[in-house]
């Protein structure tokens, strides 16, 4: 049996990016809080490939981190997304505003998670999209 612990999944058809794209497309995107917290992310195609590997290879047992091998700080994530959309990333959303708008959900957004896929790498898994900017470039974000 395998347990998959998943980072922020990047896809063009929903999820976190669907929430961020409207403000970033308007040039109103930027870092959240201090922007110094870590974000562990993964491209949707890599996530699917990991799950397929875990199903196909019965020697893989236990917990696996389904995250790209290169987590980034949130400010770097915001900057990369803005660059991909050819927009600025100038507007920061302060922690107090996130908490006022989202309540306890803001704690999830502001939490620092620097998770690495060590067991997958040791097993020889090869990521198609290990780099954030290239992963974002591979997505159809409608621009």
Protein backbone atom coordinates (compact mmCIF):
# COMPACT_ATOMS: atom_id res chain seq x y z
CA UNK A 1 0.00 0.00 0.00
CA UNK A 2 1.17 3.52 -0.82
CA UNK A 3 0.32 6.87 0.70
CA UNK A 4 0.76 9.90 -1.54
CA UNK A 5 1.43 13.27 0.11
CA UNK A 6 0.79 15.91 -2.50
CA UNK A 7 2.15 19.41 -2.99
CA UNK A 8 0.35 22.20 -4.83
CA UNK A 9 -0.70 20.64 -8.13
CA UNK A 10 -0.18 22.90 -11.16
CA UNK A 11 -2.66 22.35 -13.95
CA UNK A 12 -4.42 24.54 -16.45
CA UNK A 13 -7.87 23.22 -15.62
CA UNK A 14 -8.48 24.20 -12.02
CA UNK A 15 -6.91 24.10 -8.60
CA UNK A 16 -4.73 26.79 -7.15
CA UNK A 17 -3.88 28.40 -10.49
CA UNK A 18 -7.57 28.89 -11.30
CA UNK A 19 -7.81 30.95 -8.12
CA UNK A 20 -4.67 33.00 -8.83
CA UNK A 21 -5.02 33.60 -12.58
CA UNK A 22 -7.73 36.28 -12.54
CA UNK A 23 -5.76 38.67 -10.33
CA UNK A 24 -2.43 37.89 -12.02
CA UNK A 25 -3.94 38.36 -15.50
CA UNK A 26 -5.10 41.82 -14.40
CA UNK A 27 -1.60 42.67 -13.19
CA UNK A 28 -2.78 42.58 -9.57
CA UNK A 29 -0.88 39.48 -8.48
CA UNK A 30 2.03 39.26 -6.13
CA UNK A 31 3.38 37.60 -3.06
CA UNK A 32 1.19 36.44 -0.21
CA UNK A 33 2.23 37.55 3.25
CA UNK A 34 5.99 37.91 3.58
CA UNK A 35 6.51 35.63 0.58
CA UNK A 36 9.29 33.83 2.46
CA UNK A 37 7.36 30.65 3.18
CA UNK A 38 8.17 27.58 1.12
CA UNK A 39 5.77 26.11 -1.41
CA UNK A 40 6.16 22.56 -2.57
CA UNK A 41 4.51 22.17 -5.95
CA UNK A 42 4.18 19.59 -8.73
CA UNK A 43 3.09 19.69 -12.37
CA UNK A 44 -0.12 17.71 -12.94
CA UNK A 45 1.55 15.39 -15.48
CA UNK A 46 4.29 14.48 -13.00
CA UNK A 47 1.69 13.80 -10.33
CA UNK A 48 -0.16 11.45 -12.69
CA UNK A 49 3.10 9.71 -13.63
CA UNK A 50 3.91 9.20 -9.94
CA UNK A 51 0.54 7.62 -9.25
CA UNK A 52 0.91 5.38 -12.31
CA UNK A 53 4.36 4.30 -11.07
CA UNK A 54 3.05 3.52 -7.60
CA UNK A 55 0.26 1.39 -9.07
CA UNK A 56 2.48 -0.45 -11.56
CA UNK A 57 5.50 -1.12 -9.32
CA UNK A 58 4.53 -3.36 -6.43
CA UNK A 59 7.95 -2.88 -4.80
CA UNK A 60 6.98 0.71 -4.00
CA UNK A 61 5.35 0.68 -0.57
CA UNK A 62 4.74 3.28 2.13
CA UNK A 63 4.60 7.07 1.94
CA UNK A 64 5.79 9.14 -1.02
CA UNK A 65 5.95 12.91 -1.41
CA UNK A 66 4.41 13.88 -4.74
CA UNK A 67 6.23 17.18 -5.08
CA UNK A 68 8.74 18.53 -7.58
CA UNK A 69 12.36 18.26 -6.39
CA UNK A 70 12.71 22.06 -6.38
CA UNK A 71 10.36 23.79 -3.92
CA UNK A 72 10.35 27.59 -4.05
CA UNK A 73 9.56 30.45 -1.72
CA UNK A 74 6.11 31.93 -2.28
CA UNK A 75 7.51 35.23 -3.59
CA UNK A 76 9.50 33.28 -6.21
CA UNK A 77 6.35 31.38 -7.16
CA UNK A 78 4.41 34.64 -7.60
CA UNK A 79 7.24 36.12 -9.66
CA UNK A 80 7.46 33.05 -11.92
CA UNK A 81 3.70 33.03 -12.50
CA UNK A 82 3.68 36.74 -13.32
CA UNK A 83 6.61 36.27 -15.71
CA UNK A 84 4.80 33.38 -17.44
CA UNK A 85 1.74 35.62 -17.90
CA UNK A 86 3.84 38.65 -18.97
CA UNK A 87 2.48 40.67 -16.06
CA UNK A 88 4.03 42.42 -13.06
CA UNK A 89 3.97 40.89 -9.59
CA UNK A 90 3.99 44.09 -7.59
CA UNK A 91 1.03 43.86 -5.25
CA UNK A 92 1.58 42.00 -2.00
CA UNK A 93 -1.36 40.73 0.01
CA UNK A 94 -0.54 41.20 3.72
CA UNK A 95 -1.13 38.39 6.20
CA UNK A 96 -3.74 40.36 8.14
CA UNK A 97 -5.84 40.83 4.98
CA UNK A 98 -5.60 37.15 4.05
CA UNK A 99 -6.72 36.22 7.55
CA UNK A 100 -9.60 38.74 7.45
CA UNK A 101 -10.80 37.42 4.07
CA UNK A 102 -10.15 33.71 4.50
CA UNK A 103 -10.13 33.03 8.23
CA UNK A 104 -8.33 29.81 9.16
CA UNK A 105 -7.81 28.93 5.46
CA UNK A 106 -5.17 31.68 5.38
CA UNK A 107 -3.04 29.57 7.70
CA UNK A 108 -2.87 26.88 5.00
CA UNK A 109 -1.77 29.42 2.39
CA UNK A 110 0.84 30.98 4.66
CA UNK A 111 2.23 27.71 6.01
CA UNK A 112 5.79 26.92 5.00
CA UNK A 113 6.22 23.47 3.47
CA UNK A 114 9.60 22.55 2.00
CA UNK A 115 8.86 18.97 1.05
CA UNK A 116 11.18 16.91 -1.14
CA UNK A 117 10.40 13.69 -3.08
CA UNK A 118 13.42 11.84 -1.69
CA UNK A 119 11.97 8.32 -1.85
CA UNK A 120 10.80 8.82 -5.45
CA UNK A 121 14.24 10.06 -6.48
CA UNK A 122 15.91 7.13 -4.72
CA UNK A 123 13.59 4.80 -6.61
CA UNK A 124 14.70 6.40 -9.90
CA UNK A 125 11.61 8.43 -10.75
CA UNK A 126 12.36 11.08 -13.38
CA UNK A 127 10.39 14.31 -13.30
CA UNK A 128 9.28 15.82 -16.62
CA UNK A 129 8.88 19.24 -14.96
CA UNK A 130 11.35 19.69 -12.07
CA UNK A 131 11.75 23.45 -12.64
CA UNK A 132 8.91 25.86 -11.78
CA UNK A 133 9.31 28.24 -14.73
CA UNK A 134 9.44 25.38 -17.24
CA UNK A 135 6.48 23.69 -15.55
CA UNK A 136 4.42 26.87 -15.85
CA UNK A 137 5.51 27.29 -19.48
CA UNK A 138 4.22 23.79 -20.25
CA UNK A 139 0.71 24.75 -19.11
CA UNK A 140 -1.96 26.34 -21.28
CA UNK A 141 -2.85 29.34 -19.15
CA UNK A 142 -4.94 31.06 -21.80
CA UNK A 143 -2.54 33.79 -22.80
